[in-house]
C-alpha atoms as a PDB file:
ATOM      1  CA  MET A   1       8.407  21.634  20.810  1.00  0.00           C
ATOM      2  CA  LEU A   2       6.860  18.043  21.934  1.00  0.00           C
ATOM      3  CA  GLU A   3       4.680  16.976  19.304  1.00  0.00           C
ATOM      4  CA  LYS A   4       1.967  13.516  19.978  1.00  0.00           C
ATOM      5  CA  ALA A   5       1.005  10.940  16.825  1.00  0.00           C
ATOM      6  CA  GLU A   6      -0.350   7.931  16.106  1.00  0.00           C
ATOM      7  CA  GLY A   7       1.822   6.150  13.550  1.00  0.00           C
ATOM      8  CA  ILE A   8       2.992   3.181  11.600  1.00  0.00           C
ATOM      9  CA  VAL A   9       6.837   2.349  10.700  1.00  0.00           C
ATOM     10  CA  LEU A  10       6.615   2.470   7.337  1.00  0.00           C
ATOM     11  CA  ARG A  11      10.703   1.949   7.037  1.00  0.00           C
ATOM     12  CA  THR A  12      14.194   1.796   8.884  1.00  0.00           C
ATOM     13  CA  THR A  13      17.457   3.473   8.602  1.00  0.00           C
ATOM     14  CA  ALA A  14      20.220   2.905  10.597  1.00  0.00           C
ATOM     15  CA  TYR A  15      22.238   5.947  11.223  1.00  0.00           C
ATOM     16  CA  GLY A  16      25.571   5.450  12.827  1.00  0.00           C
ATOM     17  CA  GLU A  17      26.380   2.884  14.783  1.00  0.00           C
ATOM     18  CA  THR A  18      23.440   3.023  17.428  1.00  0.00           C
ATOM     19  CA  ASN A  19      20.931   5.011  15.887  1.00  0.00           C
ATOM     20  CA  ILE A  20      17.726   4.439  13.852  1.00  0.00           C
ATOM     21  CA  ILE A  21      15.917   6.730  11.745  1.00  0.00           C
ATOM     22  CA  LEU A  22      11.561   5.640  11.483  1.00  0.00           C
ATOM     23  CA  ARG A  23      10.215   6.613   8.423  1.00  0.00           C
ATOM     24  CA  LEU A  24       6.775   7.371  10.464  1.00  0.00           C
ATOM     25  CA  TYR A  25       3.070   7.814   8.376  1.00  0.00           C
ATOM     26  CA  THR A  26       0.813   9.614  11.135  1.00  0.00           C
ATOM     27  CA  ARG A  27      -2.698   9.905  11.244  1.00  0.00           C
ATOM     28  CA  GLU A  28      -2.273  13.427  12.298  1.00  0.00           C
ATOM     29  CA  VAL A  29       0.178  15.127  10.415  1.00  0.00           C
ATOM     30  CA  GLY A  30       1.157  12.014   7.396  1.00  0.00           C
ATOM     31  CA  LYS A  31       4.675  10.717   6.660  1.00  0.00           C
ATOM     32  CA  ILE A  32       7.627  12.161   8.569  1.00  0.00           C
ATOM     33  CA  SER A  33      10.842  11.101   9.706  1.00  0.00           C
ATOM     34  CA  VAL A  34      11.959  10.788  13.768  1.00  0.00           C
ATOM     35  CA  MET A  35      15.330  10.262  14.925  1.00  0.00           C
ATOM     36  CA  ALA A  36      15.176   7.014  17.561  1.00  0.00           C
ATOM     37  CA  ARG A  37      18.613   7.771  19.312  1.00  0.00           C
ATOM     38  CA  GLY A  38      19.825   4.188  20.403  1.00  0.00           C
ATOM     39  CA  ALA A  39      17.639   2.355  19.142  1.00  0.00           C
ATOM     40  CA  LYS A  40      19.645  -0.498  17.783  1.00  0.00           C
ATOM     41  CA  LYS A  41      20.064  -1.865  21.356  1.00  0.00           C
ATOM     42  CA  PRO A  42      19.025  -4.461  22.159  1.00  0.00           C
ATOM     43  CA  LYS A  43      18.122  -3.128  25.942  1.00  0.00           C
ATOM     44  CA  ASN A  44      16.972   0.458  24.338  1.00  0.00           C
ATOM     45  CA  ARG A  45      13.809   1.918  25.396  1.00  0.00           C
ATOM     46  CA  PHE A  46      13.330   2.277  21.518  1.00  0.00           C
ATOM     47  CA  SER A  47      14.097  -0.369  20.297  1.00  0.00           C
ATOM     48  CA  ALA A  48      10.707  -2.827  20.116  1.00  0.00           C
ATOM     49  CA  VAL A  49       9.074   0.136  18.003  1.00  0.00           C
ATOM     50  CA  SER A  50      12.379   0.715  15.383  1.00  0.00           C
ATOM     51  CA  GLN A  51      10.718  -1.966  13.610  1.00  0.00           C
ATOM     52  CA  PRO A  52       8.527  -2.283  10.734  1.00  0.00           C
ATOM     53  CA  PHE A  53       4.451  -1.930  10.308  1.00  0.00           C
ATOM     54  CA  VAL A  54       4.745  -1.083  14.485  1.00  0.00           C
ATOM     55  CA  TYR A  55       1.737   1.153  15.159  1.00  0.00           C
ATOM     56  CA  GLY A  56       2.040   3.021  17.892  1.00  0.00           C
ATOM     57  CA  MET A  57       1.545   6.179  19.893  1.00  0.00           C
ATOM     58  CA  PHE A  58       5.042   8.465  19.171  1.00  0.00           C
ATOM     59  CA  LEU A  59       6.496  11.441  20.971  1.00  0.00           C
ATOM     60  CA  TYR A  60       8.754  13.319  19.453  1.00  0.00           C
ATOM     61  CA  TYR A  61      10.756  16.521  19.966  1.00  0.00           C
ATOM     62  CA  LYS A  62      10.142  18.681  16.530  1.00  0.00           C
ATOM     63  CA  GLY A  63      12.736  21.115  15.644  1.00  0.00           C
ATOM     64  CA  THR A  64      14.515  22.952  12.703  1.00  0.00           C
ATOM     65  CA  GLY A  65      16.145  19.477  11.290  1.00  0.00           C
ATOM     66  CA  MET A  66      15.033  16.065  12.359  1.00  0.00           C
ATOM     67  CA  SER A  67      12.827  15.071  15.084  1.00  0.00           C
ATOM     68  CA  THR A  68      13.944  13.011  17.923  1.00  0.00           C
ATOM     69  CA  LEU A  69      12.131  10.145  19.494  1.00  0.00           C
ATOM     70  CA  ASN A  70      10.969  10.853  23.017  1.00  0.00           C
ATOM     71  CA  GLN A  71       8.501   8.439  23.547  1.00  0.00           C
ATOM     72  CA  GLY A  72       6.891   5.603  21.644  1.00  0.00           C
ATOM     73  CA  ASP A  73       4.873   3.127  23.126  1.00  0.00           C
ATOM     74  CA  SER A  74       3.271   0.380  20.775  1.00  0.00           C
ATOM     75  CA  ILE A  75      -0.748  -0.537  20.225  1.00  0.00           C
ATOM     76  CA  ASP A  76      -0.131  -3.054  17.663  1.00  0.00           C
ATOM     77  CA  SER A  77       3.435  -5.350  16.499  1.00  0.00           C
ATOM     78  CA  PHE A  78       1.375  -6.934  13.651  1.00  0.00           C
ATOM     79  CA  ARG A  79       3.358 -10.404  14.657  1.00  0.00           C
ATOM     80  CA  ILE A  80       2.260 -12.192  12.576  1.00  0.00           C
ATOM     81  CA  VAL A  81       2.502  -9.986   9.336  1.00  0.00           C
ATOM     82  CA  ARG A  82       6.307  -9.547  10.155  1.00  0.00           C
ATOM     83  CA  GLY A  83       6.887 -13.319  10.589  1.00  0.00           C
ATOM     84  CA  ASP A  84       5.635 -14.572   7.540  1.00  0.00           C
ATOM     85  CA  ILE A  85       8.160 -13.814   4.943  1.00  0.00           C
ATOM     86  CA  PHE A  86       5.398 -13.727   2.381  1.00  0.00           C
ATOM     87  CA  LYS A  87       3.388 -10.858   4.943  1.00  0.00           C
ATOM     88  CA  THR A  88       6.632  -9.021   5.055  1.00  0.00           C
ATOM     89  CA  ALA A  89       7.250  -8.796   1.267  1.00  0.00           C
ATOM     90  CA  TYR A  90       3.056  -7.796   0.765  1.00  0.00           C
ATOM     91  CA  ALA A  91       3.209  -5.439   3.782  1.00  0.00           C
ATOM     92  CA  SER A  92       6.605  -3.843   2.662  1.00  0.00           C
ATOM     93  CA  TYR A  93       5.031  -3.421  -0.946  1.00  0.00           C
ATOM     94  CA  MET A  94       2.601  -1.443   1.002  1.00  0.00           C
ATOM     95  CA  SER A  95       4.642   0.748   2.348  1.00  0.00           C
ATOM     96  CA  GLU A  96       7.085   1.678  -0.197  1.00  0.00           C
ATOM     97  CA  LEU A  97       3.829   2.623  -2.173  1.00  0.00           C
ATOM     98  CA  LEU A  98       2.456   4.792   0.610  1.00  0.00           C
ATOM     99  CA  ASP A  99       5.997   6.069   0.905  1.00  0.00           C
ATOM    100  CA  LYS A 100       6.307   6.827  -2.751  1.00  0.00           C
ATOM    101  CA  LEU A 101       2.907   7.953  -3.431  1.00  0.00           C
ATOM    102  CA  THR A 102       2.887  10.599  -0.418  1.00  0.00           C
ATOM    103  CA  ASP A 103       4.555  14.459   0.341  1.00  0.00           C
ATOM    104  CA  GLU A 104       6.235  15.336   3.205  1.00  0.00           C
ATOM    105  CA  LYS A 105       3.963  16.021   5.861  1.00  0.00           C
ATOM    106  CA  GLU A 106       0.629  15.573   3.987  1.00  0.00           C
ATOM    107  CA  ARG A 107      -2.376  15.239   6.322  1.00  0.00           C
ATOM    108  CA  ASN A 108      -4.533  12.300   4.874  1.00  0.00           C
ATOM    109  CA  PRO A 109      -6.308  10.688   7.679  1.00  0.00           C
ATOM    110  CA  TYR A 110      -7.763   8.699   5.281  1.00  0.00           C
ATOM    111  CA  LEU A 111      -4.543   6.940   3.806  1.00  0.00           C
ATOM    112  CA  PHE A 112      -3.253   6.396   7.790  1.00  0.00           C
ATOM    113  CA  GLU A 113      -7.132   4.584   7.975  1.00  0.00           C
ATOM    114  CA  LEU A 114      -6.581   2.354   4.816  1.00  0.00           C
ATOM    115  CA  PHE A 115      -2.797   1.370   5.654  1.00  0.00           C
ATOM    116  CA  LEU A 116      -3.984   0.499   9.200  1.00  0.00           C
ATOM    117  CA  GLN A 117      -7.123  -1.495   8.026  1.00  0.00           C
ATOM    118  CA  LEU A 118      -5.110  -3.884   5.219  1.00  0.00           C
ATOM    119  CA  LEU A 119      -2.687  -4.759   8.117  1.00  0.00           C
ATOM    120  CA  GLN A 120      -5.076  -5.075  10.473  1.00  0.00           C
ATOM    121  CA  LYS A 121      -7.098  -7.637   7.916  1.00  0.00           C
ATOM    122  CA  MET A 122      -3.141  -9.428   7.484  1.00  0.00           C
ATOM    123  CA  ASN A 123      -2.289  -9.833  10.688  1.00  0.00           C
ATOM    124  CA  GLU A 124      -5.957 -11.706  10.707  1.00  0.00           C
ATOM    125  CA  GLU A 125      -4.809 -14.431   8.174  1.00  0.00           C
ATOM    126  CA  ASN A 126      -6.583 -12.338   5.266  1.00  0.00           C
ATOM    127  CA  ASP A 127      -5.544 -13.203   1.823  1.00  0.00           C
ATOM    128  CA  PRO A 128      -1.728 -11.057   1.582  1.00  0.00           C
ATOM    129  CA  GLU A 129      -1.589 -10.762  -2.213  1.00  0.00           C
ATOM    130  CA  ILE A 130      -5.691  -9.744  -2.869  1.00  0.00           C
ATOM    131  CA  LEU A 131      -5.610  -7.194  -0.104  1.00  0.00           C
ATOM    132  CA  THR A 132      -2.198  -5.540  -1.654  1.00  0.00           C
ATOM    133  CA  ARG A 133      -4.573  -5.518  -4.721  1.00  0.00           C
ATOM    134  CA  ILE A 134      -6.796  -3.281  -2.982  1.00  0.00           C
ATOM    135  CA  PHE A 135      -4.546  -1.140  -2.057  1.00  0.00           C
ATOM    136  CA  GLU A 136      -3.251  -0.255  -5.341  1.00  0.00           C
ATOM    137  CA  THR A 137      -6.253   0.140  -6.929  1.00  0.00           C
ATOM    138  CA  LYS A 138      -7.159   2.808  -4.313  1.00  0.00           C
ATOM    139  CA  MET A 139      -3.467   4.223  -4.450  1.00  0.00           C
ATOM    140  CA  THR A 140      -4.221   5.117  -7.972  1.00  0.00           C
ATOM    141  CA  ALA A 141      -6.656   8.187  -6.985  1.00  0.00           C
ATOM    142  CA  GLN A 142      -3.851   9.330  -5.144  1.00  0.00           C
ATOM    143  CA  ALA A 143      -1.649   9.005  -7.395  1.00  0.00           C
ATOM    144  CA  GLY A 144      -3.337  10.719  -9.550  1.00  0.00           C
ATOM    145  CA  ILE A 145      -3.660   8.154 -12.271  1.00  0.00           C
ATOM    146  CA  LYS A 146      -7.190   6.866 -11.575  1.00  0.00           C
ATOM    147  CA  PRO A 147      -8.631   4.683 -14.156  1.00  0.00           C
ATOM    148  CA  GLU A 148     -12.360   5.015 -15.884  1.00  0.00           C
ATOM    149  CA  LEU A 149     -13.810   1.863 -13.849  1.00  0.00           C
ATOM    150  CA  ASP A 150     -17.202   2.495 -14.266  1.00  0.00           C
ATOM    151  CA  LYS A 151     -17.759   2.896 -18.046  1.00  0.00           C
ATOM    152  CA  CYS A 152     -16.786   2.640 -21.695  1.00  0.00           C
ATOM    153  CA  VAL A 153     -13.935   5.414 -21.434  1.00  0.00           C
ATOM    154  CA  ARG A 154     -14.556   5.918 -24.743  1.00  0.00           C
ATOM    155  CA  CYS A 155     -18.660   5.689 -25.741  1.00  0.00           C
ATOM    156  CA  ASN A 156     -19.418   5.925 -21.896  1.00  0.00           C
ATOM    157  CA  ARG A 157     -21.947   2.482 -21.650  1.00  0.00           C
ATOM    158  CA  THR A 158     -21.789   1.144 -18.167  1.00  0.00           C
ATOM    159  CA  GLU A 159     -23.137  -2.619 -19.150  1.00  0.00           C
ATOM    160  CA  GLY A 160     -22.246  -5.752 -20.847  1.00  0.00           C
ATOM    161  CA  THR A 161     -18.793  -6.613 -21.725  1.00  0.00           C
ATOM    162  CA  PHE A 162     -15.377  -4.882 -21.125  1.00  0.00           C
ATOM    163  CA  SER A 163     -11.754  -4.998 -21.499  1.00  0.00           C
ATOM    164  CA  PHE A 164      -9.311  -2.692 -19.657  1.00  0.00           C
ATOM    165  CA  SER A 165      -7.319  -0.784 -21.960  1.00  0.00           C
ATOM    166  CA  VAL A 166      -3.826   0.501 -20.103  1.00  0.00           C
ATOM    167  CA  LYS A 167      -3.660   2.923 -23.543  1.00  0.00           C
ATOM    168  CA  GLU A 168      -6.856   4.803 -23.056  1.00  0.00           C
ATOM    169  CA  ALA A 169      -6.448   4.228 -18.702  1.00  0.00           C
ATOM    170  CA  GLY A 170      -9.665   2.649 -18.792  1.00  0.00           C
ATOM    171  CA  PHE A 171     -12.420  -0.057 -19.958  1.00  0.00           C
ATOM    172  CA  LEU A 172     -13.360  -0.237 -23.313  1.00  0.00           C
ATOM    173  CA  CYS A 173     -16.617  -2.284 -24.441  1.00  0.00           C
ATOM    174  CA  GLN A 174     -17.144  -4.673 -26.372  1.00  0.00           C
ATOM    175  CA  ALA A 175     -18.091  -2.267 -29.426  1.00  0.00           C
ATOM    176  CA  CYS A 176     -15.298   0.305 -28.745  1.00  0.00           C
ATOM    177  CA  LYS A 177     -12.694  -2.265 -27.986  1.00  0.00           C
ATOM    178  CA  ALA A 178     -10.810  -2.627 -31.342  1.00  0.00           C
ATOM    179  CA  ALA A 179      -9.778   0.841 -30.711  1.00  0.00           C
ATOM    180  CA  ASP A 180      -6.578  -1.183 -28.709  1.00  0.00           C
ATOM    181  CA  ASP A 181      -4.995  -4.312 -29.822  1.00  0.00           C
ATOM    182  CA  TYR A 182      -3.262  -4.471 -26.828  1.00  0.00           C
ATOM    183  CA  ARG A 183      -6.032  -4.581 -24.635  1.00  0.00           C
ATOM    184  CA  LEU A 184      -5.866  -6.718 -21.862  1.00  0.00           C
ATOM    185  CA  ASP A 185      -9.311  -9.225 -21.876  1.00  0.00           C
ATOM    186  CA  ILE A 186     -10.237 -10.190 -18.575  1.00  0.00           C
ATOM    187  CA  GLN A 187     -12.936 -11.910 -17.051  1.00  0.00           C
ATOM    188  CA  PRO A 188     -16.528 -10.246 -15.689  1.00  0.00           C
ATOM    189  CA  LYS A 189     -15.153 -10.909 -12.684  1.00  0.00           C
ATOM    190  CA  THR A 190     -12.271  -9.211 -12.687  1.00  0.00           C
ATOM    191  CA  VAL A 191     -14.268  -6.082 -13.846  1.00  0.00           C
ATOM    192  CA  GLN A 192     -16.498  -6.282 -11.173  1.00  0.00           C
ATOM    193  CA  LEU A 193     -13.722  -6.516  -8.515  1.00  0.00           C
ATOM    194  CA  LEU A 194     -11.565  -3.870  -9.454  1.00  0.00           C
ATOM    195  CA  ARG A 195     -14.553  -1.532  -9.175  1.00  0.00           C
ATOM    196  CA  THR A 196     -15.252  -2.720  -6.125  1.00  0.00           C
ATOM    197  CA  PHE A 197     -12.078  -2.084  -4.730  1.00  0.00           C
ATOM    198  CA  PHE A 198     -11.895   1.308  -5.651  1.00  0.00           C
ATOM    199  CA  TYR A 199     -15.294   2.386  -4.007  1.00  0.00           C
ATOM    200  CA  MET A 200     -15.551  -0.615  -0.979  1.00  0.00           C
ATOM    201  CA  ASP A 201     -14.667   0.355   2.920  1.00  0.00           C
ATOM    202  CA  VAL A 202     -11.814  -2.074   3.557  1.00  0.00           C
ATOM    203  CA  GLU A 203     -13.521  -1.968   7.825  1.00  0.00           C
ATOM    204  CA  ARG A 204     -16.451  -4.295   6.115  1.00  0.00           C
ATOM    205  CA  LEU A 205     -14.505  -6.571   3.814  1.00  0.00           C
ATOM    206  CA  GLY A 206     -14.528 -10.256   4.725  1.00  0.00           C
ATOM    207  CA  GLU A 207     -12.590 -13.339   3.336  1.00  0.00           C
ATOM    208  CA  ILE A 208     -11.920 -12.949   0.108  1.00  0.00           C
ATOM    209  CA  SER A 209     -10.746 -16.105  -1.713  1.00  0.00           C
ATOM    210  CA  LEU A 210     -10.139 -15.505  -5.330  1.00  0.00           C
ATOM    211  CA  LYS A 211      -9.197 -18.314  -7.825  1.00  0.00           C
ATOM    212  CA  LYS A 212      -5.658 -17.962  -9.325  1.00  0.00           C
ATOM    213  CA  GLN A 213      -6.532 -16.615 -12.981  1.00  0.00           C
ATOM    214  CA  THR A 214      -8.276 -14.152 -11.346  1.00  0.00           C
ATOM    215  CA  LYS A 215      -5.507 -12.787  -8.982  1.00  0.00           C
ATOM    216  CA  ASP A 216      -3.303 -12.947 -11.883  1.00  0.00           C
ATOM    217  CA  GLU A 217      -5.378 -10.850 -13.820  1.00  0.00           C
ATOM    218  CA  LEU A 218      -5.877  -8.323 -11.182  1.00  0.00           C
ATOM    219  CA  LYS A 219      -1.829  -7.788 -10.861  1.00  0.00           C
ATOM    220  CA  GLN A 220      -1.461  -8.383 -14.929  1.00  0.00           C
ATOM    221  CA  VAL A 221      -4.312  -4.632 -14.806  1.00  0.00           C
ATOM    222  CA  LEU A 222      -2.254  -2.727 -12.094  1.00  0.00           C
ATOM    223  CA  HIS A 223       1.074  -3.698 -12.530  1.00  0.00           C
ATOM    224  CA  THR A 224       0.656  -2.600 -16.014  1.00  0.00           C
ATOM    225  CA  TYR A 225      -1.268   0.819 -15.940  1.00  0.00           C
ATOM    226  CA  TYR A 226       1.067   1.761 -12.827  1.00  0.00           C
ATOM    227  CA  ASP A 227       4.220   1.187 -15.246  1.00  0.00           C
ATOM    228  CA  GLU A 228       3.170   2.844 -17.620  1.00  0.00           C
ATOM    229  CA  TYR A 229       1.792   5.772 -15.876  1.00  0.00           C
ATOM    230  CA  SER A 230       3.453   6.184 -12.222  1.00  0.00           C
ATOM    231  CA  GLY A 231       6.804   6.345 -12.960  1.00  0.00           C
ATOM    232  CA  LEU A 232       7.263   4.090  -9.687  1.00  0.00           C
ATOM    233  CA  ILE A 233      10.284   2.100  -9.508  1.00  0.00           C
ATOM    234  CA  LEU A 234      10.085   0.196  -6.444  1.00  0.00           C
ATOM    235  CA  LYS A 235      13.064  -1.974  -4.638  1.00  0.00           C
ATOM    236  CA  SER A 236       9.911  -4.051  -3.187  1.00  0.00           C
ATOM    237  CA  LYS A 237       7.888  -4.497  -5.955  1.00  0.00           C
ATOM    238  CA  ARG A 238      11.308  -6.844  -6.924  1.00  0.00           C
ATOM    239  CA  PHE A 239      11.538  -8.033  -4.304  1.00  0.00           C
ATOM    240  CA  LEU A 240       7.332  -9.286  -4.453  1.00  0.00           C
ATOM    241  CA  GLU A 241       7.567 -10.722  -7.236  1.00  0.00           C
ATOM    242  CA  GLN A 242      10.458 -12.530  -6.077  1.00  0.00           C
ATOM    243  CA  MET A 243       8.816 -13.836  -3.184  1.00  0.00           C
ATOM    244  CA  GLU A 244       6.030 -14.800  -5.752  1.00  0.00           C
ATOM    245  CA  ASN A 245       7.814 -16.434  -8.319  1.00  0.00           C
ATOM    246  CA  TRP A 246       9.202 -18.641  -5.437  1.00  0.00           C
ATOM    247  CA  LYS A 247       5.877 -19.629  -4.222  1.00  0.00           C
ATOM    248  CA  LEU A 248       4.663 -20.999  -7.444  1.00  0.00           C
END
């Protein structure tokens, strides 16, 4: 059966001497894998769409085993992202996070649009680190580990100064902060951004410039939280951390 899907290449895997397996995240059917036969050959008609982060329309034969690509038309190759090693590292991390936190053929148009919009923003010279923090914050819901970001996790207070508790899975107000000796004491700006990142419409996102301290706090909160609750081990995360250390 011939199927058509609007998709983004999450990753590619060489198969044999000339073939490539494309891991696609599609609007219509979620995550699927398709075989692009001969795509490793430079002049093959599939070689252009058989690259990470390529956004396009894919026509494929759906059978009992591995689906086979019949036609691929690129809509956007995100050349700026793919041509920058730092942006490639951030985009690869987001791709792997999306891959790990979704099931095969689990349709989710919201996640497709979120990932697409963030790649588009990254391709428009927006800060890839901030875009990645937005993605991580929103993906806590998909992972089933969303922290309490609207109020104090213990007393429900919504106003005042807050810290972040990994143990309590959310914010602690000043009166309740003693509940966790290992809480992360973060700036009010970081508290506000964590809330904003979770609820914001990425399409309306303008340029955001953050101080290094704020970006470091966002990273510390989110990575410590994911490490504690998600159980994920991502190869792309280790590479990204190496890139970030090298950039410093």
